[in-house]
N, C-alpha and C. Protein backbone atom coordinates (compact mmCIF):
# COMPACT_ATOMS: atom_id res chain seq x y z
N MET A 1 10.44 -6.63 2.55
CA MET A 1 9.70 -6.74 1.91
C MET A 1 10.25 -6.55 0.46
N GLU A 2 9.82 -7.18 -0.75
CA GLU A 2 9.95 -7.31 -2.31
C GLU A 2 8.74 -6.80 -2.95
N PHE A 3 9.16 -6.07 -3.63
CA PHE A 3 7.75 -5.06 -4.55
C PHE A 3 8.26 -5.84 -5.79
N THR A 4 6.92 -6.18 -6.63
CA THR A 4 7.04 -6.75 -7.88
C THR A 4 5.84 -6.50 -8.83
N VAL A 5 6.16 -5.68 -9.69
CA VAL A 5 4.81 -5.00 -10.54
C VAL A 5 4.51 -6.19 -11.66
N LEU A 6 3.25 -6.60 -11.42
CA LEU A 6 2.65 -7.19 -12.31
C LEU A 6 2.08 -7.20 -13.50
N GLU A 7 1.55 -5.58 -13.64
CA GLU A 7 0.66 -5.00 -14.41
C GLU A 7 0.88 -3.64 -14.15
N GLU A 8 1.27 -2.64 -15.13
CA GLU A 8 1.05 -1.21 -14.94
C GLU A 8 0.35 -0.46 -16.37
N SER A 9 -0.37 0.19 -16.12
CA SER A 9 -0.83 1.29 -17.14
C SER A 9 -0.73 2.78 -16.53
N LYS A 10 -1.74 3.43 -17.02
CA LYS A 10 -1.67 4.92 -17.25
C LYS A 10 -2.70 5.05 -15.59
N ASN A 11 -3.56 4.15 -15.63
CA ASN A 11 -4.40 4.39 -14.15
C ASN A 11 -4.53 3.02 -13.39
N LYS A 12 -3.93 2.11 -13.61
CA LYS A 12 -3.61 0.76 -13.15
C LYS A 12 -2.43 0.33 -12.45
N LEU A 13 -2.26 -0.11 -11.54
CA LEU A 13 -0.80 -0.68 -11.01
C LEU A 13 -1.18 -1.87 -10.08
N VAL A 14 -0.64 -3.45 -10.90
CA VAL A 14 -1.01 -4.32 -9.73
C VAL A 14 0.52 -4.61 -9.69
N PHE A 15 0.62 -5.06 -8.27
CA PHE A 15 1.97 -5.43 -7.94
C PHE A 15 1.67 -6.45 -6.41
N GLN A 16 2.87 -6.89 -5.96
CA GLN A 16 3.35 -7.92 -5.36
C GLN A 16 3.83 -7.51 -4.10
N LEU A 17 3.88 -7.74 -2.74
CA LEU A 17 4.76 -7.18 -1.76
C LEU A 17 4.95 -8.65 -1.30
N LYS A 18 5.96 -9.42 -1.53
CA LYS A 18 6.45 -10.59 -0.86
C LYS A 18 6.90 -10.26 0.25
N GLY A 19 6.76 -11.11 1.51
CA GLY A 19 7.22 -10.70 2.57
C GLY A 19 6.28 -10.24 3.72
N GLU A 20 5.00 -9.62 3.18
CA GLU A 20 4.07 -8.85 3.90
C GLU A 20 2.87 -9.74 4.30
N THR A 21 2.23 -9.35 5.27
CA THR A 21 0.90 -9.88 5.69
C THR A 21 -0.01 -9.30 5.57
N HIS A 22 -1.25 -9.44 6.40
CA HIS A 22 -2.33 -8.53 6.55
C HIS A 22 -2.17 -7.47 7.19
N THR A 23 -1.26 -7.44 8.12
CA THR A 23 -1.15 -6.54 9.09
C THR A 23 -0.60 -5.01 8.27
N PHE A 24 0.60 -5.25 7.47
CA PHE A 24 0.87 -4.04 6.82
C PHE A 24 -0.02 -3.67 5.66
N CYS A 25 -0.42 -5.13 4.81
CA CYS A 25 -1.35 -4.83 3.38
C CYS A 25 -2.68 -3.78 4.10
N ASN A 26 -3.40 -4.49 5.20
CA ASN A 26 -4.24 -3.40 5.58
C ASN A 26 -4.29 -1.78 5.69
N VAL A 27 -3.23 -1.46 6.29
CA VAL A 27 -3.01 -0.50 7.01
C VAL A 27 -2.28 0.39 5.38
N LEU A 28 -1.62 0.09 4.49
CA LEU A 28 -1.46 0.41 3.22
C LEU A 28 -2.79 0.78 2.60
N LYS A 29 -3.37 -0.54 2.31
CA LYS A 29 -4.90 0.05 1.62
C LYS A 29 -5.72 1.22 2.20
N GLU A 30 -5.84 1.23 3.33
CA GLU A 30 -6.53 2.03 3.99
C GLU A 30 -5.92 3.32 3.69
N GLU A 31 -4.59 3.48 3.89
CA GLU A 31 -4.09 5.02 3.69
C GLU A 31 -3.78 5.42 2.16
N LEU A 32 -3.96 4.23 1.38
CA LEU A 32 -4.41 4.56 -0.31
C LEU A 32 -5.39 5.48 -0.64
N TYR A 33 -6.30 4.83 0.19
CA TYR A 33 -7.88 5.54 0.11
C TYR A 33 -7.86 7.07 0.54
N THR A 34 -6.80 7.61 1.44
CA THR A 34 -7.07 8.80 1.82
C THR A 34 -5.97 9.99 0.59
N VAL A 35 -5.41 9.13 -0.53
CA VAL A 35 -4.75 9.77 -1.57
C VAL A 35 -6.06 10.16 -2.47
N LYS A 36 -5.89 11.51 -2.57
CA LYS A 36 -6.70 12.05 -3.70
C LYS A 36 -6.71 11.50 -5.09
N GLY A 37 -7.77 10.93 -5.61
CA GLY A 37 -7.47 10.60 -6.97
C GLY A 37 -7.36 8.84 -6.99
N VAL A 38 -7.23 8.25 -5.75
CA VAL A 38 -7.52 6.86 -5.72
C VAL A 38 -8.79 6.13 -5.54
N LYS A 39 -9.24 5.47 -6.84
CA LYS A 39 -10.73 5.08 -6.72
C LYS A 39 -10.58 3.69 -6.09
N VAL A 40 -9.89 2.55 -6.42
CA VAL A 40 -9.83 1.12 -5.89
C VAL A 40 -8.71 0.93 -5.43
N ALA A 41 -8.45 0.69 -4.21
CA ALA A 41 -7.13 -0.05 -3.67
C ALA A 41 -7.45 -1.18 -3.12
N THR A 42 -7.13 -2.49 -3.33
CA THR A 42 -7.33 -3.52 -2.80
C THR A 42 -6.33 -4.54 -2.74
N TYR A 43 -6.37 -5.77 -1.89
CA TYR A 43 -5.31 -6.63 -1.99
C TYR A 43 -5.89 -8.10 -1.83
N ARG A 44 -5.58 -9.23 -2.23
CA ARG A 44 -5.61 -10.55 -1.92
C ARG A 44 -4.28 -11.28 -1.54
N ILE A 45 -4.48 -12.27 -0.56
CA ILE A 45 -3.63 -13.25 -0.41
C ILE A 45 -4.17 -14.44 -1.00
N ASP A 46 -3.87 -15.26 -1.65
CA ASP A 46 -4.19 -16.60 -1.85
C ASP A 46 -4.11 -17.65 -1.24
N HIS A 47 -2.99 -17.85 -0.47
CA HIS A 47 -3.31 -18.84 0.70
C HIS A 47 -2.46 -18.15 1.68
N PRO A 48 -3.44 -18.49 2.86
CA PRO A 48 -2.99 -17.72 4.20
C PRO A 48 -1.68 -17.75 4.56
N LEU A 49 -0.90 -19.26 4.41
CA LEU A 49 0.46 -19.49 5.08
C LEU A 49 1.20 -18.87 4.10
N ILE A 50 1.31 -19.31 2.81
CA ILE A 50 2.29 -19.27 1.92
C ILE A 50 1.95 -18.04 0.63
N GLY A 51 0.64 -17.56 0.82
CA GLY A 51 0.63 -16.87 -0.27
C GLY A 51 1.24 -15.36 -0.10
N ILE A 52 1.30 -14.83 -1.28
CA ILE A 52 2.10 -13.33 -1.38
C ILE A 52 0.83 -12.19 -1.84
N PRO A 53 1.09 -11.08 -1.23
CA PRO A 53 -0.15 -10.13 -1.30
C PRO A 53 0.12 -10.04 -2.44
N THR A 54 -0.88 -9.75 -3.34
CA THR A 54 -1.44 -9.10 -4.48
C THR A 54 -2.04 -7.67 -4.34
N PHE A 55 -1.50 -6.58 -4.91
CA PHE A 55 -2.24 -5.37 -4.50
C PHE A 55 -2.64 -4.83 -6.05
N MET A 56 -4.39 -4.23 -6.32
CA MET A 56 -4.61 -3.74 -7.39
C MET A 56 -5.22 -2.22 -7.17
N LEU A 57 -4.57 -1.24 -7.67
CA LEU A 57 -4.69 0.05 -7.43
C LEU A 57 -4.78 0.67 -8.74
N GLU A 58 -6.07 1.43 -8.67
CA GLU A 58 -6.86 2.11 -9.81
C GLU A 58 -6.94 3.60 -9.28
N THR A 59 -6.52 4.39 -10.18
CA THR A 59 -6.74 5.98 -9.84
C THR A 59 -7.13 6.58 -11.10
N SER A 60 -7.35 7.81 -10.75
CA SER A 60 -8.19 8.92 -11.65
C SER A 60 -7.39 10.36 -11.47
N GLY A 61 -6.55 10.45 -12.28
CA GLY A 61 -6.28 12.29 -12.30
C GLY A 61 -4.92 11.99 -11.40
N VAL A 62 -4.73 10.90 -11.19
CA VAL A 62 -3.19 10.67 -10.58
C VAL A 62 -2.39 9.40 -10.92
N GLU A 63 -1.08 9.65 -11.10
CA GLU A 63 -0.42 8.13 -11.62
C GLU A 63 -0.48 7.20 -10.57
N PRO A 64 -0.88 6.28 -10.85
CA PRO A 64 -0.42 4.60 -9.54
C PRO A 64 0.50 5.12 -9.08
N ARG A 65 1.76 5.17 -9.38
CA ARG A 65 2.72 4.93 -8.30
C ARG A 65 3.22 6.03 -7.39
N LYS A 66 2.65 7.12 -8.29
CA LYS A 66 2.91 8.29 -7.46
C LYS A 66 1.87 8.58 -6.30
N ALA A 67 0.41 8.19 -6.59
CA ALA A 67 -0.25 7.45 -5.15
C ALA A 67 0.27 6.83 -4.19
N LEU A 68 1.02 5.66 -4.48
CA LEU A 68 1.48 4.89 -3.55
C LEU A 68 2.79 5.26 -2.82
N LYS A 69 3.65 6.07 -3.54
CA LYS A 69 4.54 6.88 -2.78
C LYS A 69 4.07 7.60 -2.13
N GLU A 70 3.12 8.42 -1.99
CA GLU A 70 2.39 9.63 -1.46
C GLU A 70 1.64 8.72 0.06
N ALA A 71 1.22 7.76 -0.24
CA ALA A 71 0.65 6.83 0.64
C ALA A 71 1.47 5.98 1.88
N LEU A 72 2.85 5.86 1.00
CA LEU A 72 4.01 5.21 1.81
C LEU A 72 4.72 6.21 2.63
N LYS A 73 4.79 7.35 1.89
CA LYS A 73 5.29 8.70 2.83
C LYS A 73 4.39 9.01 4.03
N SER A 74 3.13 9.28 3.72
CA SER A 74 2.37 9.50 4.82
C SER A 74 2.33 8.34 6.08
N LEU A 75 2.46 7.15 5.67
CA LEU A 75 2.59 5.90 6.71
C LEU A 75 4.11 6.13 7.27
N ARG A 76 5.10 6.52 6.64
CA ARG A 76 6.49 6.72 7.49
C ARG A 76 6.29 7.76 8.53
N LYS A 77 5.69 8.88 8.11
CA LYS A 77 5.49 10.06 9.02
C LYS A 77 4.91 9.48 10.11
N LYS A 78 3.58 8.62 9.91
CA LYS A 78 2.79 8.47 11.14
C LYS A 78 3.66 7.22 11.96
N ALA A 79 4.22 6.53 11.43
CA ALA A 79 5.19 5.49 12.00
C ALA A 79 6.33 6.26 13.23
N GLU A 80 6.68 7.45 12.48
CA GLU A 80 7.47 8.50 13.15
C GLU A 80 7.16 8.81 14.47
N GLU A 81 5.88 9.60 14.17
CA GLU A 81 5.20 10.16 15.31
C GLU A 81 4.60 9.12 16.45
N PHE A 82 4.37 7.79 16.02
CA PHE A 82 3.85 6.62 17.25
C PHE A 82 5.21 6.54 17.58
N LYS A 83 6.32 6.39 17.17
CA LYS A 83 7.59 5.87 17.89
C LYS A 83 7.86 6.86 18.83
N LYS A 84 7.83 7.99 18.48
CA LYS A 84 8.11 9.29 19.31
C LYS A 84 7.27 8.88 20.41
N GLU A 85 5.71 9.06 20.48
CA GLU A 85 4.76 8.80 21.42
C GLU A 85 5.09 7.97 22.63
N VAL A 86 5.56 6.55 21.79
CA VAL A 86 5.91 5.39 22.70
C VAL A 86 6.84 5.36 23.57
N LYS A 87 7.97 6.33 22.68
CA LYS A 87 9.25 6.59 23.63
C LYS A 87 8.83 7.65 24.78
N GLY A 88 7.99 8.37 24.58
CA GLY A 88 7.43 9.13 25.62
C GLY A 88 6.74 8.59 27.16
N LEU A 89 6.37 7.39 26.92
CA LEU A 89 5.55 6.87 27.96
C LEU A 89 6.46 6.72 28.82
């Protein structure tokens, strides 16, 4: 995954995730909405076969990068918990 910032301000972050698909992007979008202060979390993929996901994140009261890091940390924890559950089967 390659992370590229296209636009950044106090309350907005627009970035691309080269190498990712709807699978990860949907999970990340939903996790972002669990972070306090996130107002808008959405993405688009312009072409289904060769498009690069472009995210737009808008926040209030929290820095967008901080919100993104918090969401990613939470996803990592959930993935580890899921991995442990699967190993136990």
